[in-house]
PDB file of N, CA and C in Angstrom:
ATOM      1  N   SER A   1      82.330 132.704 113.030  1.00  0.00           N
ATOM      2  CA  SER A   1      82.589 132.393 114.424  1.00  0.00           C
ATOM      3  C   SER A   1      81.987 133.493 115.308  1.00  0.00           C
ATOM      4  N   PRO A   2      81.774 133.216 116.565  1.00  0.00           N
ATOM      5  CA  PRO A   2      81.278 134.261 117.469  1.00  0.00           C
ATOM      6  C   PRO A   2      82.205 135.474 117.538  1.00  0.00           C
ATOM      7  N   ASP A   3      83.513 135.250 117.449  1.00  0.00           N
ATOM      8  CA  ASP A   3      84.450 136.386 117.474  1.00  0.00           C
ATOM      9  C   ASP A   3      84.277 137.274 116.252  1.00  0.00           C
ATOM     10  N   GLU A   4      84.116 136.660 115.081  1.00  0.00           N
ATOM     11  CA  GLU A   4      83.892 137.436 113.856  1.00  0.00           C
ATOM     12  C   GLU A   4      82.571 138.195 113.932  1.00  0.00           C
ATOM     13  N   ALA A   5      81.537 137.539 114.436  1.00  0.00           N
ATOM     14  CA  ALA A   5      80.229 138.190 114.560  1.00  0.00           C
ATOM     15  C   ALA A   5      80.312 139.368 115.531  1.00  0.00           C
ATOM     16  N   ALA A   6      81.015 139.188 116.650  1.00  0.00           N
ATOM     17  CA  ALA A   6      81.162 140.282 117.629  1.00  0.00           C
ATOM     18  C   ALA A   6      81.906 141.458 117.003  1.00  0.00           C
ATOM     19  N   ALA A   7      82.921 141.173 116.205  1.00  0.00           N
ATOM     20  CA  ALA A   7      83.655 142.244 115.531  1.00  0.00           C
ATOM     21  C   ALA A   7      82.750 142.999 114.565  1.00  0.00           C
ATOM     22  N   MET A   8      81.918 142.265 113.828  1.00  0.00           N
ATOM     23  CA  MET A   8      80.984 142.910 112.894  1.00  0.00           C
ATOM     24  C   MET A   8      79.961 143.754 113.649  1.00  0.00           C
ATOM     25  N   LEU A   9      79.465 143.244 114.771  1.00  0.00           N
ATOM     26  CA  LEU A   9      78.511 144.010 115.578  1.00  0.00           C
ATOM     27  C   LEU A   9      79.151 145.296 116.077  1.00  0.00           C
ATOM     28  N   GLY A  10      80.428 145.247 116.413  1.00  0.00           N
ATOM     29  CA  GLY A  10      81.141 146.425 116.889  1.00  0.00           C
ATOM     30  C   GLY A  10      81.288 147.506 115.834  1.00  0.00           C
ATOM     31  N   GLU A  11      81.173 147.140 114.556  1.00  0.00           N
ATOM     32  CA  GLU A  11      81.296 148.091 113.458  1.00  0.00           C
ATOM     33  C   GLU A  11      79.973 148.773 113.096  1.00  0.00           C
ATOM     34  N   LEU A  12      78.868 148.306 113.660  1.00  0.00           N
ATOM     35  CA  LEU A  12      77.565 148.892 113.346  1.00  0.00           C
ATOM     36  C   LEU A  12      77.443 150.303 113.905  1.00  0.00           C
ATOM     37  N   LYS A  13      76.719 151.151 113.199  1.00  0.00           N
ATOM     38  CA  LYS A  13      76.429 152.497 113.715  1.00  0.00           C
ATOM     39  C   LYS A  13      75.662 152.425 115.026  1.00  0.00           C
ATOM     40  N   ALA A  14      74.882 151.360 115.189  1.00  0.00           N
ATOM     41  CA  ALA A  14      74.069 151.179 116.393  1.00  0.00           C
ATOM     42  C   ALA A  14      74.838 150.507 117.530  1.00  0.00           C
ATOM     43  N   ALA A  15      76.125 150.249 117.348  1.00  0.00           N
ATOM     44  CA  ALA A  15      76.916 149.564 118.378  1.00  0.00           C
ATOM     45  C   ALA A  15      76.832 150.244 119.742  1.00  0.00           C
ATOM     46  N   PRO A  16      76.810 151.570 119.830  1.00  0.00           N
ATOM     47  CA  PRO A  16      76.689 152.195 121.156  1.00  0.00           C
ATOM     48  C   PRO A  16      75.431 151.764 121.912  1.00  0.00           C
ATOM     49  N   LEU A  17      74.365 151.439 121.190  1.00  0.00           N
ATOM     50  CA  LEU A  17      73.137 150.991 121.845  1.00  0.00           C
ATOM     51  C   LEU A  17      73.340 149.649 122.537  1.00  0.00           C
ATOM     52  N   LEU A  18      74.219 148.823 121.993  1.00  0.00           N
ATOM     53  CA  LEU A  18      74.492 147.516 122.584  1.00  0.00           C
ATOM     54  C   LEU A  18      75.413 147.621 123.800  1.00  0.00           C
ATOM     55  N   ASN A  19      76.127 148.729 123.889  1.00  0.00           N
ATOM     56  CA  ASN A  19      77.132 148.893 124.939  1.00  0.00           C
ATOM     57  C   ASN A  19      76.673 149.759 126.098  1.00  0.00           C
ATOM     58  N   GLY A  20      75.386 149.862 126.301  1.00  0.00           N
ATOM     59  CA  GLY A  20      74.877 150.589 127.455  1.00  0.00           C
ATOM     60  C   GLY A  20      74.745 152.084 127.234  1.00  0.00           C
ATOM     61  N   PHE A  21      74.248 152.480 126.098  1.00  0.00           N
ATOM     62  CA  PHE A  21      74.068 153.883 125.733  1.00  0.00           C
ATOM     63  C   PHE A  21      73.169 154.610 126.728  1.00  0.00           C
ATOM     64  N   ARG A  22      73.613 155.764 127.174  1.00  0.00           N
ATOM     65  CA  ARG A  22      72.851 156.644 128.087  1.00  0.00           C
ATOM     66  C   ARG A  22      72.327 155.926 129.329  1.00  0.00           C
ATOM     67  N   GLY A  23      73.170 155.128 129.932  1.00  0.00           N
ATOM     68  CA  GLY A  23      72.806 154.499 131.193  1.00  0.00           C
ATOM     69  C   GLY A  23      72.019 153.198 131.086  1.00  0.00           C
ATOM     70  N   ALA A  24      71.688 152.789 129.886  1.00  0.00           N
ATOM     71  CA  ALA A  24      70.980 151.515 129.723  1.00  0.00           C
ATOM     72  C   ALA A  24      71.938 150.368 130.043  1.00  0.00           C
ATOM     73  N   ALA A  25      71.382 149.228 130.390  1.00  0.00           N
ATOM     74  CA  ALA A  25      72.211 148.049 130.667  1.00  0.00           C
ATOM     75  C   ALA A  25      72.947 147.622 129.402  1.00  0.00           C
ATOM     76  N   LYS A  26      74.174 147.160 129.569  1.00  0.00           N
ATOM     77  CA  LYS A  26      74.929 146.642 128.437  1.00  0.00           C
ATOM     78  C   LYS A  26      74.257 145.360 127.948  1.00  0.00           C
ATOM     79  N   ALA A  27      74.106 145.248 126.638  1.00  0.00           N
ATOM     80  CA  ALA A  27      73.434 144.095 126.037  1.00  0.00           C
ATOM     81  C   ALA A  27      74.339 142.866 126.065  1.00  0.00           C
ATOM     82  N   ASP A  28      73.730 141.704 126.003  1.00  0.00           N
ATOM     83  CA  ASP A  28      74.467 140.440 125.987  1.00  0.00           C
ATOM     84  C   ASP A  28      75.009 140.200 124.577  1.00  0.00           C
ATOM     85  N   VAL A  29      76.023 140.985 124.218  1.00  0.00           N
ATOM     86  CA  VAL A  29      76.622 140.893 122.885  1.00  0.00           C
ATOM     87  C   VAL A  29      77.231 139.514 122.636  1.00  0.00           C
ATOM     88  N   PRO A  30      77.874 138.874 123.615  1.00  0.00           N
ATOM     89  CA  PRO A  30      78.379 137.514 123.335  1.00  0.00           C
ATOM     90  C   PRO A  30      77.272 136.537 122.945  1.00  0.00           C
ATOM     91  N   ALA A  31      76.110 136.632 123.573  1.00  0.00           N
ATOM     92  CA  ALA A  31      74.995 135.746 123.210  1.00  0.00           C
ATOM     93  C   ALA A  31      74.501 136.058 121.802  1.00  0.00           C
ATOM     94  N   LEU A  32      74.420 137.334 121.454  1.00  0.00           N
ATOM     95  CA  LEU A  32      73.997 137.726 120.112  1.00  0.00           C
ATOM     96  C   LEU A  32      75.015 137.252 119.071  1.00  0.00           C
ATOM     97  N   ALA A  33      76.299 137.426 119.356  1.00  0.00           N
ATOM     98  CA  ALA A  33      77.341 136.980 118.435  1.00  0.00           C
ATOM     99  C   ALA A  33      77.292 135.464 118.261  1.00  0.00           C
ATOM    100  N   ASN A  34      77.029 134.744 119.331  1.00  0.00           N
ATOM    101  CA  ASN A  34      76.907 133.284 119.251  1.00  0.00           C
ATOM    102  C   ASN A  34      75.710 132.887 118.384  1.00  0.00           C
ATOM    103  N   LEU A  35      74.591 133.584 118.544  1.00  0.00           N
ATOM    104  CA  LEU A  35      73.414 133.315 117.715  1.00  0.00           C
ATOM    105  C   LEU A  35      73.721 133.542 116.240  1.00  0.00           C
ATOM    106  N   ILE A  36      74.371 134.654 115.932  1.00  0.00           N
ATOM    107  CA  ILE A  36      74.714 134.971 114.538  1.00  0.00           C
ATOM    108  C   ILE A  36      75.610 133.870 113.964  1.00  0.00           C
ATOM    109  N   ALA A  37      76.592 133.449 114.737  1.00  0.00           N
ATOM    110  CA  ALA A  37      77.502 132.392 114.271  1.00  0.00           C
ATOM    111  C   ALA A  37      76.753 131.082 114.044  1.00  0.00           C
ATOM    112  N   LYS A  38      75.879 130.719 114.956  1.00  0.00           N
ATOM    113  CA  LYS A  38      75.129 129.457 114.825  1.00  0.00           C
ATOM    114  C   LYS A  38      74.205 129.483 113.611  1.00  0.00           C
ATOM    115  N   VAL A  39      73.530 130.608 113.374  1.00  0.00           N
ATOM    116  CA  VAL A  39      72.645 130.710 112.204  1.00  0.00           C
ATOM    117  C   VAL A  39      73.469 130.648 110.923  1.00  0.00           C
ATOM    118  N   SER A  40      74.634 131.269 110.922  1.00  0.00           N
ATOM    119  CA  SER A  40      75.515 131.209 109.751  1.00  0.00           C
ATOM    120  C   SER A  40      75.953 129.787 109.469  1.00  0.00           C
ATOM    121  N   GLN A  41      76.317 129.056 110.529  1.00  0.00           N
ATOM    122  CA  GLN A  41      76.728 127.664 110.364  1.00  0.00           C
ATOM    123  C   GLN A  41      75.569 126.805 109.869  1.00  0.00           C
ATOM    124  N   LEU A  42      74.376 127.055 110.408  1.00  0.00           N
ATOM    125  CA  LEU A  42      73.183 126.326 109.976  1.00  0.00           C
ATOM    126  C   LEU A  42      72.908 126.576 108.494  1.00  0.00           C
ATOM    127  N   ALA A  43      72.991 127.842 108.084  1.00  0.00           N
ATOM    128  CA  ALA A  43      72.746 128.187 106.682  1.00  0.00           C
ATOM    129  C   ALA A  43      73.768 127.520 105.763  1.00  0.00           C
ATOM    130  N   ALA A  44      75.014 127.499 106.187  1.00  0.00           N
ATOM    131  CA  ALA A  44      76.058 126.861 105.363  1.00  0.00           C
ATOM    132  C   ALA A  44      75.850 125.354 105.281  1.00  0.00           C
ATOM    133  N   ARG A  45      75.517 124.751 106.397  1.00  0.00           N
ATOM    134  CA  ARG A  45      75.344 123.292 106.432  1.00  0.00           C
ATOM    135  C   ARG A  45      74.175 122.833 105.563  1.00  0.00           C
ATOM    136  N   TYR A  46      73.091 123.599 105.563  1.00  0.00           N
ATOM    137  CA  TYR A  46      71.878 123.205 104.833  1.00  0.00           C
ATOM    138  C   TYR A  46      71.631 124.064 103.597  1.00  0.00           C
ATOM    139  N   ARG A  47      72.684 124.605 103.018  1.00  0.00           N
ATOM    140  CA  ARG A  47      72.558 125.534 101.886  1.00  0.00           C
ATOM    141  C   ARG A  47      71.793 124.950 100.701  1.00  0.00           C
ATOM    142  N   SER A  48      71.863 123.644 100.500  1.00  0.00           N
ATOM    143  CA  SER A  48      71.147 123.051  99.366  1.00  0.00           C
ATOM    144  C   SER A  48      69.694 122.733  99.714  1.00  0.00           C
ATOM    145  N   GLU A  49      69.353 122.788 100.994  1.00  0.00           N
ATOM    146  CA  GLU A  49      68.004 122.440 101.424  1.00  0.00           C
ATOM    147  C   GLU A  49      67.173 123.642 101.876  1.00  0.00           C
ATOM    148  N   VAL A  50      67.843 124.740 102.182  1.00  0.00           N
ATOM    149  CA  VAL A  50      67.157 125.928 102.704  1.00  0.00           C
ATOM    150  C   VAL A  50      67.521 127.126 101.841  1.00  0.00           C
ATOM    151  N   SER A  51      66.499 127.850 101.385  1.00  0.00           N
ATOM    152  CA  SER A  51      66.780 129.027 100.560  1.00  0.00           C
ATOM    153  C   SER A  51      66.797 130.313 101.379  1.00  0.00           C
ATOM    154  N   GLU A  52      66.085 130.350 102.509  1.00  0.00           N
ATOM    155  CA  GLU A  52      66.044 131.562 103.338  1.00  0.00           C
ATOM    156  C   GLU A  52      65.901 131.193 104.805  1.00  0.00           C
ATOM    157  N   ILE A  53      66.532 132.001 105.638  1.00  0.00           N
ATOM    158  CA  ILE A  53      66.331 131.928 107.085  1.00  0.00           C
ATOM    159  C   ILE A  53      66.156 133.363 107.564  1.00  0.00           C
ATOM    160  N   GLU A  54      65.065 133.604 108.251  1.00  0.00           N
ATOM    161  CA  GLU A  54      64.822 134.942 108.807  1.00  0.00           C
ATOM    162  C   GLU A  54      64.475 134.794 110.280  1.00  0.00           C
ATOM    163  N   ILE A  55      65.169 135.533 111.112  1.00  0.00           N
ATOM    164  CA  ILE A  55      64.820 135.605 112.527  1.00  0.00           C
ATOM    165  C   ILE A  55      64.634 137.081 112.847  1.00  0.00           C
ATOM    166  N   ASN A  56      63.408 137.445 113.182  1.00  0.00           N
ATOM    167  CA  ASN A  56      63.091 138.849 113.364  1.00  0.00           C
ATOM    168  C   ASN A  56      61.766 138.972 114.100  1.00  0.00           C
ATOM    169  N   PRO A  57      61.764 139.640 115.207  1.00  0.00           N
ATOM    170  CA  PRO A  57      62.890 140.291 115.872  1.00  0.00           C
ATOM    171  C   PRO A  57      63.628 139.339 116.800  1.00  0.00           C
ATOM    172  N   VAL A  58      64.828 139.764 117.152  1.00  0.00           N
ATOM    173  CA  VAL A  58      65.623 139.094 118.177  1.00  0.00           C
ATOM    174  C   VAL A  58      65.774 140.096 119.318  1.00  0.00           C
ATOM    175  N   LEU A  59      65.358 139.705 120.499  1.00  0.00           N
ATOM    176  CA  LEU A  59      65.508 140.560 121.673  1.00  0.00           C
ATOM    177  C   LEU A  59      66.837 140.232 122.333  1.00  0.00           C
ATOM    178  N   VAL A  60      67.653 141.259 122.531  1.00  0.00           N
ATOM    179  CA  VAL A  60      68.939 141.085 123.187  1.00  0.00           C
ATOM    180  C   VAL A  60      68.782 141.589 124.615  1.00  0.00           C
ATOM    181  N   HIS A  61      68.936 140.684 125.560  1.00  0.00           N
ATOM    182  CA  HIS A  61      68.732 141.008 126.970  1.00  0.00           C
ATOM    183  C   HIS A  61      70.014 141.561 127.585  1.00  0.00           C
ATOM    184  N   PRO A  62      69.936 142.071 128.806  1.00  0.00           N
ATOM    185  CA  PRO A  62      71.152 142.560 129.474  1.00  0.00           C
ATOM    186  C   PRO A  62      72.209 141.456 129.601  1.00  0.00           C
ATOM    187  N   MET A  63      73.447 141.883 129.753  1.00  0.00           N
ATOM    188  CA  MET A  63      74.595 140.977 129.826  1.00  0.00           C
ATOM    189  C   MET A  63      74.316 139.795 130.754  1.00  0.00           C
ATOM    190  N   GLY A  64      74.573 138.610 130.227  1.00  0.00           N
ATOM    191  CA  GLY A  64      74.385 137.395 130.990  1.00  0.00           C
ATOM    192  C   GLY A  64      73.001 136.788 130.909  1.00  0.00           C
ATOM    193  N   GLU A  65      72.064 137.494 130.244  1.00  0.00           N
ATOM    194  CA  GLU A  65      70.684 137.011 130.170  1.00  0.00           C
ATOM    195  C   GLU A  65      70.292 136.482 128.801  1.00  0.00           C
ATOM    196  N   GLY A  66      71.208 136.502 127.845  1.00  0.00           N
ATOM    197  CA  GLY A  66      70.959 135.884 126.551  1.00  0.00           C
ATOM    198  C   GLY A  66      70.129 136.688 125.579  1.00  0.00           C
ATOM    199  N   VAL A  67      69.568 135.968 124.628  1.00  0.00           N
ATOM    200  CA  VAL A  67      68.735 136.542 123.573  1.00  0.00           C
ATOM    201  C   VAL A  67      67.458 135.718 123.456  1.00  0.00           C
ATOM    202  N   THR A  68      66.436 136.329 122.877  1.00  0.00           N
ATOM    203  CA  THR A  68      65.182 135.627 122.594  1.00  0.00           C
ATOM    204  C   THR A  68      64.818 135.850 121.137  1.00  0.00           C
ATOM    205  N   ILE A  69      64.611 134.758 120.422  1.00  0.00           N
ATOM    206  CA  ILE A  69      64.110 134.847 119.049  1.00  0.00           C
ATOM    207  C   ILE A  69      62.595 134.889 119.163  1.00  0.00           C
ATOM    208  N   VAL A  70      61.987 135.983 118.717  1.00  0.00           N
ATOM    209  CA  VAL A  70      60.544 136.148 118.829  1.00  0.00           C
ATOM    210  C   VAL A  70      59.826 135.443 117.685  1.00  0.00           C
ATOM    211  N   ASP A  71      60.388 135.516 116.491  1.00  0.00           N
ATOM    212  CA  ASP A  71      59.756 134.899 115.329  1.00  0.00           C
ATOM    213  C   ASP A  71      60.856 134.420 114.390  1.00  0.00           C
ATOM    214  N   ALA A  72      60.597 133.325 113.721  1.00  0.00           N
ATOM    215  CA  ALA A  72      61.570 132.778 112.779  1.00  0.00           C
ATOM    216  C   ALA A  72      60.848 132.182 111.584  1.00  0.00           C
ATOM    217  N   LEU A  73      61.523 132.232 110.450  1.00  0.00           N
ATOM    218  CA  LEU A  73      60.998 131.657 109.215  1.00  0.00           C
ATOM    219  C   LEU A  73      62.135 130.942 108.514  1.00  0.00           C
ATOM    220  N   VAL A  74      61.892 129.685 108.129  1.00  0.00           N
ATOM    221  CA  VAL A  74      62.852 128.923 107.340  1.00  0.00           C
ATOM    222  C   VAL A  74      62.114 128.487 106.081  1.00  0.00           C
ATOM    223  N   VAL A  75      62.652 128.882 104.930  1.00  0.00           N
ATOM    224  CA  VAL A  75      62.028 128.566 103.650  1.00  0.00           C
ATOM    225  C   VAL A  75      62.856 127.475 102.976  1.00  0.00           C
ATOM    226  N   PRO A  76      62.213 126.330 102.710  1.00  0.00           N
ATOM    227  CA  PRO A  76      62.972 125.263 102.048  1.00  0.00           C
ATOM    228  C   PRO A  76      63.303 125.634 100.612  1.00  0.00           C
ATOM    229  N   ALA A  77      64.385 125.081 100.120  1.00  0.00           N
ATOM    230  CA  ALA A  77      64.776 125.293  98.739  1.00  0.00           C
ATOM    231  C   ALA A  77      63.758 124.625  97.825  1.00  0.00           C
ATOM    232  N   ALA A  78      63.554 125.223  96.673  1.00  0.00           N
ATOM    233  CA  ALA A  78      62.637 124.634  95.697  1.00  0.00           C
ATOM    234  C   ALA A  78      63.208 123.322  95.203  1.00  0.00           C
ATOM    235  N   ARG A  79      62.348 122.341  95.134  1.00  0.00           N
ATOM    236  CA  ARG A  79      62.773 121.031  94.637  1.00  0.00           C
ATOM    237  C   ARG A  79      62.627 120.982  93.125  1.00  0.00           C
ATOM    238  N   THR A  80      63.609 120.398  92.505  1.00  0.00           N
ATOM    239  CA  THR A  80      63.545 120.241  91.051  1.00  0.00           C
ATOM    240  C   THR A  80      63.446 118.750  90.730  1.00  0.00           C
ATOM    241  N   GLY A  81      62.705 118.486  89.675  1.00  0.00           N
ATOM    242  CA  GLY A  81      62.601 117.102  89.206  1.00  0.00           C
ATOM    243  C   GLY A  81      61.600 116.375  89.907  1.00  0.00           C
TER     244      GLY A  81
END
């Protein structure tokens, strides 16, 4: 869920960077947490059809401005038979 993802983000060593470190704008952590939750749900839903999902990099904009996925890769699961 987005709440679980936000809690995990808060535990990162880099969490201060998301919270406006040294005068920088606070990052849109709710948008990032929502993205993490949605990708997790997508991976669970299509677990038999997708072997990998990579989104890198993800740009996290200032609060209220969302996130941007710059590049993404989805690798289908190997078919047998």
